[in-house]
Protein backbone atom coordinates (compact mmCIF):
# COMPACT_ATOMS: atom_id res chain seq x y z
CA MET A 1 -18.66 0.33 -11.01
CA SER A 2 -20.96 2.81 -9.23
CA LYS A 3 -19.94 6.53 -8.90
CA ASN A 4 -20.15 6.03 -5.06
CA LEU A 5 -17.68 3.15 -5.17
CA LYS A 6 -15.39 5.04 -7.44
CA LEU A 7 -15.45 8.06 -5.03
CA PHE A 8 -14.94 5.62 -2.32
CA ILE A 9 -11.62 4.25 -3.88
CA TYR A 10 -10.38 7.76 -4.45
CA VAL A 11 -11.04 8.87 -0.90
CA VAL A 12 -9.27 5.63 0.37
CA PHE A 13 -6.22 6.24 -1.93
CA PHE A 14 -5.76 9.82 -0.92
CA THR A 15 -6.32 9.07 2.79
CA TYR A 16 -3.44 6.53 2.82
CA ILE A 17 -1.20 8.82 0.80
CA LEU A 18 -1.80 11.89 3.17
CA ILE A 19 -1.32 10.28 6.56
CA PRO A 20 1.95 11.75 8.06
CA LYS A 21 4.76 10.02 9.70
CA LEU A 22 5.16 10.35 13.27
CA SER A 23 8.91 10.80 14.77
CA VAL A 24 10.19 11.20 18.18
CA SER A 25 13.79 12.13 17.25
CA ALA A 26 16.16 11.80 14.38
CA ALA A 27 17.30 8.47 15.81
CA VAL A 28 14.16 6.61 16.22
CA SER A 29 11.19 6.91 13.70
CA ILE A 30 7.73 5.56 14.57
CA PRO A 31 6.19 3.60 11.48
CA ASP A 32 2.91 4.50 10.16
CA TRP A 33 2.19 0.87 9.60
CA VAL A 34 3.15 -2.66 10.88
CA ARG A 35 2.68 -5.94 9.41
CA ILE A 36 1.22 -8.61 11.99
CA GLY A 37 1.35 -12.21 11.14
CA LEU A 38 -1.82 -13.95 12.21
CA GLU A 39 -0.20 -16.99 13.69
CA TYR A 40 -3.07 -17.61 16.28
CA LYS A 41 -5.13 -19.36 13.63
CA TYR A 42 -4.22 -18.12 10.13
CA LYS A 43 -0.63 -19.40 9.60
CA SER A 44 -0.03 -21.82 6.51
CA THR A 45 -3.58 -22.94 6.59
CA SER A 46 -5.33 -24.52 3.72
CA ARG A 47 -8.20 -22.18 3.72
CA ILE A 48 -9.16 -18.71 5.30
CA ASP A 49 -12.81 -17.60 5.31
CA ILE A 50 -13.73 -13.82 4.85
CA LYS A 51 -17.24 -12.91 6.21
CA ASN A 52 -17.35 -9.42 4.34
CA ASN A 53 -19.94 -9.07 1.65
CA GLU A 54 -17.85 -6.40 0.00
CA LEU A 55 -14.01 -6.31 -0.37
CA LEU A 56 -11.73 -3.79 -1.81
CA MET A 57 -8.61 -5.07 -3.38
CA GLY A 58 -5.50 -3.38 -4.13
CA TYR A 59 -1.74 -3.30 -3.87
CA GLU A 60 0.82 -1.49 -1.59
CA SER A 61 3.47 0.56 -3.41
CA ASN A 62 6.00 2.54 -1.67
CA GLY A 63 3.99 2.64 1.54
CA ASP A 64 0.70 3.57 -0.33
CA PHE A 65 -2.39 1.46 -0.85
CA ILE A 66 -3.49 1.58 -4.68
CA PRO A 67 -7.14 0.14 -4.94
CA GLU A 68 -7.76 -1.80 -8.24
CA ALA A 69 -11.17 -3.73 -7.72
CA VAL A 70 -14.33 -4.08 -5.66
CA PHE A 71 -15.55 -7.54 -5.23
CA GLN A 72 -19.15 -8.27 -3.82
CA SER A 73 -20.78 -11.55 -2.61
CA THR A 74 -23.85 -12.30 -0.41
CA THR A 75 -22.17 -15.35 0.81
CA GLY A 76 -18.87 -14.02 1.82
CA PHE A 77 -15.43 -15.17 0.35
CA TYR A 78 -12.65 -17.45 0.96
CA VAL A 79 -8.96 -17.76 -0.14
CA ILE A 80 -7.23 -21.04 -0.91
CA PRO A 81 -3.79 -22.13 -2.15
CA SER A 82 -3.69 -23.54 -5.69
CA SER A 83 -1.66 -26.43 -7.08
CA ALA A 84 -3.48 -26.53 -10.27
CA TYR A 85 -2.48 -25.76 -14.00
CA PHE A 86 -4.41 -23.04 -15.94
CA ILE A 87 -4.51 -21.82 -19.46
CA SER A 88 -3.67 -18.14 -19.74
CA ILE A 89 -5.21 -15.76 -22.50
CA ASN A 90 -2.07 -13.87 -23.97
CA GLN A 91 -3.70 -10.50 -23.46
CA TYR A 92 -3.31 -8.16 -20.57
CA PHE A 93 -5.47 -5.56 -19.19
CA TYR A 94 -4.88 -2.56 -16.72
CA THR A 95 -8.16 -2.99 -14.77
CA TYR A 96 -10.20 -5.82 -13.16
CA ASP A 97 -13.26 -4.77 -15.11
CA GLU A 98 -11.54 -5.27 -18.45
CA ALA A 99 -10.45 -8.62 -17.32
CA LYS A 100 -13.86 -9.44 -16.11
CA PHE A 101 -15.69 -8.53 -19.27
CA LEU A 102 -13.42 -10.85 -21.39
CA ALA A 103 -13.86 -13.63 -18.81
CA GLN A 104 -17.52 -13.35 -19.16
CA ASP A 105 -17.31 -13.67 -22.89
CA LEU A 106 -15.32 -16.86 -22.75
CA LYS A 107 -17.84 -18.22 -20.01
CA ASN A 108 -20.63 -17.56 -22.72
CA LEU A 109 -18.52 -19.97 -25.04
CA GLY A 110 -18.76 -22.59 -22.33
CA LEU A 111 -15.08 -22.09 -20.82
CA ASN A 112 -14.53 -21.88 -17.17
CA ALA A 113 -12.69 -18.43 -17.33
CA PHE A 114 -12.18 -15.73 -14.49
CA PRO A 115 -9.87 -12.83 -13.98
CA CYS A 116 -6.40 -13.11 -12.75
CA SER A 117 -4.23 -10.48 -11.18
CA ILE A 118 -0.74 -10.81 -12.25
CA SER A 119 0.64 -7.81 -10.43
CA PRO A 120 -0.39 -4.33 -9.77
CA SER A 121 -2.46 -2.97 -12.52
CA LYS A 122 -1.77 -5.80 -14.74
CA TRP A 123 -4.89 -8.41 -15.30
CA THR A 124 -5.36 -11.11 -17.61
CA VAL A 125 -7.75 -14.13 -17.80
CA TYR A 126 -7.28 -17.72 -16.77
CA ILE A 127 -9.18 -20.85 -17.86
CA GLY A 128 -9.07 -23.80 -15.48
CA GLU A 129 -8.48 -25.36 -12.96
CA ILE A 130 -6.76 -28.28 -14.61
CA SER A 131 -5.15 -31.28 -13.06
CA SER A 132 -2.26 -32.33 -15.27
CA LEU A 133 0.14 -30.78 -17.76
CA GLY A 134 -1.33 -33.30 -20.68
CA GLU A 135 -4.65 -32.23 -20.05
CA ALA A 136 -3.84 -28.41 -20.09
CA SER A 137 -2.06 -28.87 -23.48
CA VAL A 138 -5.21 -30.43 -24.93
CA ILE A 139 -7.47 -27.58 -23.51
CA SER A 140 -4.92 -25.00 -24.73
CA SER A 141 -5.35 -26.15 -28.45
CA SER A 142 -9.13 -26.14 -27.99
CA VAL A 143 -9.20 -22.71 -26.52
CA ASN A 144 -7.04 -21.43 -29.27
CA SER A 145 -9.22 -23.03 -31.92
CA LEU A 146 -12.55 -21.85 -30.46
CA THR A 147 -11.52 -18.25 -29.66
CA GLY A 148 -8.51 -17.47 -32.06
CA LYS A 149 -6.72 -16.01 -29.21
CA GLN A 150 -3.17 -17.08 -28.50
CA CYS A 151 -2.81 -18.73 -25.04
CA MET A 152 -0.23 -20.55 -22.96
CA THR A 153 -0.25 -23.12 -20.10
CA LYS A 154 0.43 -21.88 -16.73
CA GLU A 155 2.27 -24.48 -14.38
CA PRO A 156 1.47 -24.72 -10.68
CA LEU A 157 3.20 -21.73 -8.83
CA ALA A 158 4.17 -21.57 -5.29
CA THR A 159 2.54 -18.17 -4.75
CA ARG A 160 -0.74 -18.56 -6.44
CA MET A 161 -3.99 -18.42 -4.47
CA ILE A 162 -7.72 -18.51 -5.54
CA LEU A 163 -10.35 -16.11 -4.21
CA ARG A 164 -13.67 -17.67 -4.31
CA ASN A 165 -17.40 -17.34 -2.95
CA GLN A 166 -19.51 -20.36 -2.35
CA ASN A 167 -20.55 -20.35 -6.09
CA GLU A 168 -17.62 -19.39 -8.14
CA VAL A 169 -14.09 -18.39 -8.64
CA ILE A 170 -13.78 -14.39 -8.12
CA ALA A 171 -10.04 -14.27 -9.08
CA VAL A 172 -6.87 -16.03 -9.30
CA LEU A 173 -4.11 -14.17 -7.43
CA GLU A 174 -0.64 -14.99 -8.83
CA GLY A 175 1.41 -13.28 -5.96
CA GLU A 176 4.55 -13.50 -8.03
CA GLU A 177 5.67 -10.03 -7.67
CA ALA A 178 3.43 -8.82 -4.68
CA TYR A 179 0.49 -10.26 -2.89
CA PRO A 180 -2.66 -8.19 -3.05
CA GLN A 181 -4.34 -6.63 0.09
CA PHE A 182 -7.96 -6.47 1.03
CA ALA A 183 -10.07 -3.81 3.07
CA GLY A 184 -13.56 -3.82 4.22
CA ILE A 185 -16.11 -1.65 2.51
CA SER A 186 -19.08 -0.14 4.24
CA SER A 187 -20.99 3.11 4.29
CA ASN A 188 -20.24 3.23 8.16
CA ALA A 189 -16.50 3.95 8.68
CA SER A 190 -16.58 1.95 11.93
CA ASP A 191 -17.72 -1.17 9.82
CA GLU A 192 -14.68 -1.07 7.59
CA ILE A 193 -13.33 -4.02 9.21
CA ILE A 194 -12.01 -7.47 7.76
CA ASP A 195 -13.92 -10.08 9.21
CA LEU A 196 -12.30 -13.66 9.64
CA GLY A 197 -15.12 -15.17 11.36
CA ASP A 198 -13.97 -15.67 15.12
CA ARG A 199 -11.79 -12.38 14.89
CA GLN A 200 -12.16 -9.10 13.04
CA TYR A 201 -9.40 -6.77 12.15
CA ARG A 202 -8.91 -3.02 11.18
CA GLY A 203 -6.63 -1.95 8.21
CA ARG A 204 -6.03 -4.22 5.51
CA MET A 205 -5.42 -8.09 5.16
CA GLU A 206 -2.65 -9.71 3.11
CA PHE A 207 -3.09 -13.30 2.27
CA GLY A 208 0.23 -14.86 1.09
CA ARG A 209 1.98 -18.11 0.62
CA TYR A 210 5.36 -17.13 2.42
CA GLY A 211 7.40 -20.03 1.67
CA GLY A 212 4.76 -22.49 2.74
CA SER A 213 2.21 -24.75 1.01
CA GLY A 214 -0.76 -23.00 2.97
CA ILE A 215 -1.86 -19.40 3.23
CA THR A 216 -1.03 -16.93 6.15
CA ALA A 217 -2.94 -13.87 6.79
CA VAL A 218 -1.02 -10.76 7.63
CA ASN A 219 -2.69 -7.69 9.06
CA VAL A 220 -1.34 -4.34 7.76
CA ILE A 221 -2.47 -1.99 10.28
CA MET A 222 -1.49 1.42 11.67
CA LEU A 223 0.64 1.12 14.53
CA ASP A 224 -1.73 2.78 17.14
CA GLU A 225 -4.57 0.80 15.87
CA TYR A 226 -2.30 -2.08 16.48
CA LEU A 227 -1.79 -0.82 20.10
CA TYR A 228 -5.67 -0.53 20.51
CA SER A 229 -5.85 -4.20 20.68
CA VAL A 230 -2.43 -5.02 22.20
CA VAL A 231 -3.04 -3.02 25.47
CA PRO A 232 -6.22 -4.69 26.45
CA SER A 233 -4.93 -8.08 25.14
CA GLU A 234 -2.02 -7.64 27.76
CA MET A 235 -3.62 -5.74 30.52
CA TYR A 236 -7.20 -5.58 31.93
CA ALA A 237 -8.91 -2.63 30.25
CA SER A 238 -10.88 -1.93 33.42
CA TRP A 239 -7.78 -0.92 35.20
CA ASN A 240 -6.70 2.57 36.13
CA ILE A 241 -6.05 4.59 32.92
CA GLU A 242 -2.61 5.41 34.22
CA ALA A 243 -1.56 1.85 34.33
CA LEU A 244 -3.06 1.43 30.96
CA LYS A 245 -1.01 4.46 29.39
CA ALA A 246 2.09 3.02 31.00
CA GLN A 247 1.21 -0.26 29.12
CA ALA A 248 0.45 1.66 26.05
CA VAL A 249 4.09 3.32 26.13
CA VAL A 250 5.92 -0.10 26.68
CA ALA A 251 3.89 -1.91 24.10
CA ARG A 252 4.86 0.85 21.60
CA ASN A 253 8.35 0.53 22.56
CA TYR A 254 8.27 -3.23 21.96
CA ALA A 255 6.82 -2.92 18.38
CA VAL A 256 9.27 -0.20 17.42
CA LEU A 257 12.34 -1.78 18.71
CA PHE A 258 11.59 -5.33 17.68
CA MET A 259 10.06 -4.46 14.17
CA GLY A 260 11.06 -6.89 11.67
CA LYS A 261 11.49 -9.66 14.29
CA HIS A 262 9.53 -12.11 11.84
CA LYS A 263 10.79 -10.45 8.48
CA ASN A 264 11.89 -13.92 7.25
CA SER A 265 8.16 -15.08 7.50
CA GLY A 266 6.99 -12.07 5.52
CA TYR A 267 5.72 -9.85 8.40
CA ASP A 268 6.96 -7.59 11.16
CA LEU A 269 5.52 -9.18 14.40
CA CYS A 270 3.29 -12.11 15.20
CA ASP A 271 0.06 -11.92 17.14
CA GLY A 272 0.97 -14.28 20.13
CA GLU A 273 3.16 -14.02 23.26
CA HIS A 274 6.44 -14.51 21.09
CA CYS A 275 5.92 -10.79 20.33
CA GLN A 276 2.80 -9.21 21.95
CA VAL A 277 -0.85 -10.60 22.24
CA TYR A 278 -2.98 -9.00 19.46
CA LYS A 279 -6.61 -10.15 19.31
CA GLY A 280 -7.83 -7.73 16.71
CA TYR A 281 -10.81 -5.25 16.80
CA GLY A 282 -12.99 -7.45 18.90
CA ALA A 283 -10.60 -7.03 21.88
CA GLU A 284 -10.62 -3.11 21.80
CA ASN A 285 -12.00 -0.98 24.75
CA TYR A 286 -12.75 2.60 25.18
CA ASN A 287 -10.40 2.94 28.09
CA SER A 288 -7.28 1.40 26.46
CA ASN A 289 -7.89 3.07 23.07
CA GLN A 290 -7.84 6.30 25.20
CA ALA A 291 -4.75 5.38 26.79
CA VAL A 292 -3.19 4.91 23.49
CA ARG A 293 -4.46 8.17 22.14
CA GLU A 294 -3.06 9.95 25.11
CA THR A 295 0.33 8.66 24.73
CA GLN A 296 0.40 8.97 20.95
CA GLY A 297 3.95 8.98 19.72
CA GLU A 298 5.73 8.57 23.16
CA LEU A 299 8.40 6.16 23.92
CA LEU A 300 10.57 5.26 26.78
CA TYR A 301 14.20 6.20 26.55
CA TYR A 302 17.30 5.72 28.69
CA GLY A 303 19.65 8.60 27.61
CA ASN A 304 19.05 8.82 23.89
CA GLU A 305 18.46 5.26 23.26
CA ILE A 306 14.99 3.58 23.19
CA ILE A 307 14.86 0.87 25.64
CA GLU A 308 13.84 -2.82 25.81
CA ALA A 309 10.64 -2.00 27.61
CA VAL A 310 9.87 -5.73 28.77
CA TYR A 311 6.97 -6.46 30.98
CA PHE A 312 5.28 -9.27 32.83
CA ALA A 313 2.19 -9.99 35.03
CA SER A 314 3.15 -10.11 38.74
CA SER A 315 6.66 -9.86 40.48
CA GLY A 316 5.65 -11.57 43.79
CA GLY A 317 7.02 -8.56 45.52
CA TYR A 318 10.28 -7.91 43.84
CA THR A 319 11.33 -7.38 40.40
CA GLU A 320 14.56 -8.80 38.79
CA ASN A 321 17.83 -7.84 37.31
CA SER A 322 17.83 -8.55 33.53
CA GLU A 323 21.38 -10.47 33.87
CA ASN A 324 19.63 -13.00 36.31
CA VAL A 325 17.10 -13.82 33.62
CA TRP A 326 18.95 -13.44 30.50
CA ILE A 327 22.61 -12.52 29.69
CA THR A 328 23.03 -8.72 29.28
CA SER A 329 23.04 -6.32 32.42
CA LEU A 330 21.11 -3.14 31.22
CA PRO A 331 21.24 -0.19 33.60
CA TYR A 332 17.55 0.45 33.30
CA LEU A 333 16.54 -3.27 33.92
CA LYS A 334 17.22 -3.50 37.76
CA ALA A 335 15.44 -5.15 40.58
CA VAL A 336 13.20 -2.87 42.61
CA PRO A 337 10.75 -3.73 45.54
CA ASP A 338 7.20 -4.16 44.02
CA ILE A 339 5.72 -2.68 47.20
CA TYR A 340 2.56 -1.65 45.48
CA GLU A 341 1.63 -4.99 43.72
CA ALA A 342 -1.80 -6.08 45.21
CA ASN A 343 -1.92 -9.53 43.73
CA HIS A 344 1.11 -11.67 44.12
CA GLN A 345 -0.34 -14.62 41.90
CA ASP A 346 0.13 -17.49 44.41
CA TRP A 347 0.48 -20.96 42.63
CA THR A 348 1.33 -24.43 43.31
CA ARG A 349 2.74 -27.13 41.00
CA SER A 350 3.28 -30.75 41.86
CA PHE A 351 5.58 -33.39 40.21
CA THR A 352 6.48 -37.13 40.95
CA ARG A 353 9.86 -38.53 40.83
CA GLU A 354 8.73 -40.44 37.60
CA GLN A 355 7.68 -37.09 36.11
CA ILE A 356 10.97 -35.50 36.88
CA LYS A 357 12.77 -38.37 35.25
CA SER A 358 10.65 -38.39 32.24
CA LEU A 359 11.29 -34.46 31.74
CA LEU A 360 14.86 -35.12 32.06
CA LEU A 361 14.78 -37.97 29.43
CA SER A 362 13.03 -35.96 27.12
CA ASN A 363 15.73 -33.37 27.45
CA GLY A 364 18.48 -35.87 26.70
CA LYS A 365 19.52 -36.10 30.25
CA ASN A 366 19.68 -39.51 32.01
CA ILE A 367 20.63 -39.36 35.87
CA GLY A 368 19.21 -42.49 36.80
CA GLU A 369 16.38 -42.34 39.45
CA VAL A 370 15.58 -39.18 40.91
CA LEU A 371 16.61 -38.80 44.39
CA ASP A 372 16.20 -35.12 45.34
CA ILE A 373 15.84 -31.57 43.98
CA GLN A 374 17.84 -28.75 45.70
CA ILE A 375 17.55 -25.16 45.43
CA GLU A 376 21.37 -23.92 45.62
CA SER A 377 20.98 -19.98 45.38
CA TYR A 378 18.74 -17.24 45.03
CA THR A 379 18.97 -13.98 43.34
CA SER A 380 18.54 -10.76 45.40
CA GLY A 381 15.00 -10.41 44.08
CA GLY A 382 14.27 -13.78 45.68
CA ARG A 383 14.05 -16.00 42.46
CA VAL A 384 15.86 -19.31 42.33
CA MET A 385 19.08 -18.66 40.49
CA THR A 386 20.50 -22.33 40.50
CA LEU A 387 18.55 -25.69 41.21
CA LYS A 388 20.26 -28.90 41.18
CA ILE A 389 18.31 -32.36 40.67
CA ILE A 390 20.24 -35.40 42.03
CA GLY A 391 19.83 -38.86 40.75
CA THR A 392 21.39 -42.32 41.24
CA LYS A 393 23.88 -41.81 38.29
CA GLY A 394 24.67 -38.16 38.52
CA THR A 395 23.15 -34.52 38.99
CA GLU A 396 21.89 -32.05 36.62
CA THR A 397 22.11 -28.13 37.25
CA PHE A 398 19.71 -25.70 35.97
CA THR A 399 20.25 -21.68 36.21
CA LYS A 400 18.34 -18.71 35.33
CA GLU A 401 15.18 -18.98 33.23
CA SER A 402 16.15 -22.73 32.27
CA VAL A 403 14.72 -23.30 35.99
CA ARG A 404 11.30 -22.22 35.01
CA THR A 405 11.20 -23.61 31.39
CA PHE A 406 12.55 -27.10 32.34
CA PHE A 407 9.45 -27.96 34.34
CA LYS A 408 7.02 -27.40 31.48
CA SER A 409 3.66 -29.32 31.88
CA ASN A 410 1.56 -29.55 28.91
CA GLY A 411 3.78 -27.00 27.30
CA VAL A 412 3.56 -24.38 30.10
CA SER A 413 6.56 -23.38 32.19
CA LEU A 414 6.52 -22.73 35.93
CA PRO A 415 4.63 -19.40 36.38
CA SER A 416 7.72 -17.78 38.22
CA ARG A 417 11.13 -18.74 39.68
CA MET A 418 10.11 -17.25 43.11
CA PHE A 419 9.27 -20.50 44.92
CA GLU A 420 10.10 -22.96 47.56
CA ILE A 421 9.90 -26.77 47.13
CA VAL A 422 8.27 -29.11 49.62
CA LYS A 423 9.18 -32.65 49.45
CA ASP A 424 7.48 -36.19 49.95
CA GLY A 425 4.02 -34.91 50.88
CA GLY A 426 5.14 -32.71 53.74
CA ASN A 427 3.93 -29.41 54.68
CA THR A 428 5.37 -26.06 53.97
CA SER A 429 7.27 -24.28 56.61
CA SER A 430 4.74 -22.93 59.11
CA GLY A 431 5.86 -19.46 58.00
CA SER A 432 8.59 -17.81 56.17
CA ILE A 433 9.98 -14.21 56.25
CA SER A 434 12.09 -12.94 53.31
CA VAL A 435 13.86 -9.46 53.65
CA MET A 436 15.06 -8.43 50.25
CA GLY A 437 17.90 -6.34 50.54
CA GLU A 438 21.83 -6.58 49.38
CA GLY A 439 21.76 -10.04 50.43
CA ASN A 440 18.97 -12.52 50.17
CA ILE A 441 18.11 -13.46 53.82
CA THR A 442 15.42 -16.00 54.43
CA LYS A 443 14.16 -17.14 57.80
CA SER A 444 11.69 -19.81 58.50
CA ILE A 445 9.67 -19.19 61.62
CA ASP A 446 6.50 -19.74 63.21
CA ASP A 447 3.81 -17.03 62.89
CA GLY A 448 3.27 -16.92 66.51
CA GLN A 449 6.96 -15.73 66.73
CA ILE A 450 6.22 -12.42 64.98
CA SER A 451 6.09 -9.35 67.15
CA VAL A 452 6.70 -5.75 67.34
CA VAL A 453 7.61 -3.06 69.89
CA GLY A 454 5.10 -0.28 69.81
CA GLU A 455 5.37 3.46 70.70
CA ASP A 456 4.48 2.42 74.08
CA GLN A 457 7.51 0.05 74.31
CA GLU A 458 5.01 -2.83 74.75
CA ILE A 459 5.76 -5.93 72.69
CA LYS A 460 2.71 -6.95 70.54
CA PHE A 461 2.36 -10.08 68.56
CA LEU A 462 1.09 -9.74 64.93
CA ASN A 463 -1.99 -11.45 63.70
CA LEU A 464 -1.03 -11.78 59.84
CA GLY A 465 -4.12 -11.21 58.01
CA SER A 466 -2.20 -10.65 54.72
CA ASN A 467 1.03 -12.23 53.42
CA THR A 468 3.03 -9.08 53.48
CA ILE A 469 4.37 -6.75 55.93
CA ARG A 470 6.26 -3.43 55.15
CA VAL A 471 9.07 -2.29 57.71
CA GLN A 472 11.13 0.83 57.56
CA GLY A 473 14.80 0.51 57.83
CA ALA A 474 18.07 2.38 57.59
CA ASN A 475 17.73 2.06 53.92
CA GLY A 476 13.97 2.78 53.49
CA VAL A 477 10.98 0.65 53.38
CA ASN A 478 11.49 -3.05 52.78
CA GLU A 479 8.80 -5.62 52.18
CA LEU A 480 8.75 -8.97 54.13
CA SER A 481 6.77 -11.69 52.65
CA PHE A 482 5.02 -14.40 54.65
CA THR A 483 3.86 -17.84 53.51
CA PRO A 484 1.36 -19.68 55.74
CA SER A 485 1.32 -23.47 56.34
CA VAL A 486 0.09 -25.33 53.59
CA SER A 487 -0.40 -29.06 53.54
CA VAL A 488 0.59 -30.68 50.10
CA ALA A 489 0.82 -34.14 48.48
CA GLY A 490 3.42 -35.19 45.97
CA ASP A 491 7.19 -36.00 45.77
CA PHE A 492 7.97 -32.42 44.84
CA VAL A 493 5.57 -29.54 45.40
CA PHE A 494 6.61 -26.01 44.03
CA ILE A 495 4.83 -23.35 46.02
CA GLY A 496 5.42 -19.96 44.49
CA LYS A 497 4.02 -16.47 43.81
CA GLY A 498 4.50 -14.13 40.92
CA TYR A 499 3.78 -14.60 37.10
CA GLY A 500 6.36 -14.19 34.30
CA HIS A 501 10.11 -13.59 34.11
CA GLY A 502 10.08 -10.69 36.66
CA VAL A 503 11.99 -8.09 34.39
CA GLY A 504 10.92 -4.51 33.77
CA LEU A 505 7.28 -3.56 34.37
CA SER A 506 5.17 -5.28 36.72
CA GLN A 507 1.55 -4.95 35.40
CA TRP A 508 -0.16 -5.81 38.88
CA GLY A 509 2.48 -3.26 40.24
CA ALA A 510 1.48 -0.73 37.80
CA LYS A 511 -2.21 -1.10 38.67
CA GLY A 512 -1.27 -0.70 42.41
CA MET A 513 0.70 2.56 41.80
CA ALA A 514 -1.91 3.93 39.45
CA ASP A 515 -4.75 3.31 42.23
CA GLN A 516 -2.38 4.89 44.69
CA GLY A 517 -2.27 8.24 42.46
CA TYR A 518 0.96 7.65 40.50
CA ASN A 519 0.66 8.78 36.86
CA TYR A 520 2.06 6.57 33.92
CA LYS A 521 5.45 8.41 33.61
CA GLU A 522 6.18 8.01 37.34
CA ILE A 523 5.08 4.28 37.16
CA LEU A 524 7.63 3.78 34.31
CA SER A 525 10.48 5.72 35.71
CA TYR A 526 10.05 3.39 38.90
CA TYR A 527 10.19 0.22 37.05
CA PHE A 528 12.84 1.34 34.44
CA THR A 529 15.79 2.92 36.27
CA GLY A 530 16.99 6.12 34.89
CA THR A 531 14.56 6.23 31.96
CA THR A 532 12.35 9.15 30.52
CA VAL A 533 9.29 9.29 28.47
CA ARG A 534 9.34 11.45 25.41
């Protein structure tokens, strides 16, 4: 190993050791590192390609990364699971270089030998790969006679993997006590990225067989570097910096609060919508990185408790109480008018009676032929609370989020529960005005009937160029939403607005508030009642 590479390993080692822990209070400690399972593409797969030409391999010990070996290959690398038998030389070494030296001597004797990492600072040499126990026994005797070295047969192991390049085995990785981790090596610090082909990642990469037959990639990365990718993956990086900072805080809250959500799978969080969308280094943007840096260490609290800072894309004009979506009523997750949301995400979904019947049958429900779908109640935020499907043999009722998830088409639920239903190929009501207050008042009217009394006491009719009106009432400003006439075809056509569950931070609303001059703390305190950032 060159002096420069040795120096690099020492620098990496001490850099990882000396990074301080961040904490906001005695009650909540922000972790230095998180483990992100890359379920998007690299979960229990038969092969993972690594495009780097140089890799630093080591093991994590008590939170520190201990480098052990540097691998070089002009063709890159790949990792595969192994179900083969091997012959193990009964001799152990502290370093990869020592094991590699012996492996080369055995290769000179015509044996297919290569280093094997047993555990941290424990290496040996394997000979193989061998397809059966009988063949392994024969080869073991031959190796003993040829080399005079004691050896043993290693049966297939559920944690074993092989690191290869296009020409040869680089090393066998036992993974029995711990899985090794890999970091990119470059003279340019910004290029020290693990490249898996279609996506690149900061930090280190661990490959493991976490109870599965295939290999899963786990990105071990510093929390804020993880957020560098989460923020622009969840919100447009071109948006106002104050909206991005609000997103950075809620994303940090989520990561800290739900750390270990996937602990049974071998990692803390996944990279999909089940946790937070994380697309790696390539998704990063200067603006969103700045938002993360300027909110470093900040979390959102209600009293002295870190909150469940949930978020979604678009409310459709009003957010929702947590108990109207899930179960628990939380004091900081209360419905508020989303008066700054500029994009209500209008949408339409159409279903035939046969499609509804098929959806019911696939969920174990048989109510005969579908006759009608009726909305029975709304929440104060204007979302469907109870929906009934009526059939020739009975009825089926859905409440809360099951209203949305039942109507899955190609695995995708309805965008939101803020909708009306048009039946049998008719038209939508020529116009509908909804006033969101203590009750949920909805009245269908023609747009030609909408008028106001001006300061001169003259009655003036409104020309609705947009789909919302704001009115001043005794209890403040209310937003009225207007849906124009739309011709539709289908047995049941759902015409709605908004995108997501509707609880917590409205991302489009945050954008609107930021564009109006509100800072991220004001945005968060508006959508999360009674909370503070600290």
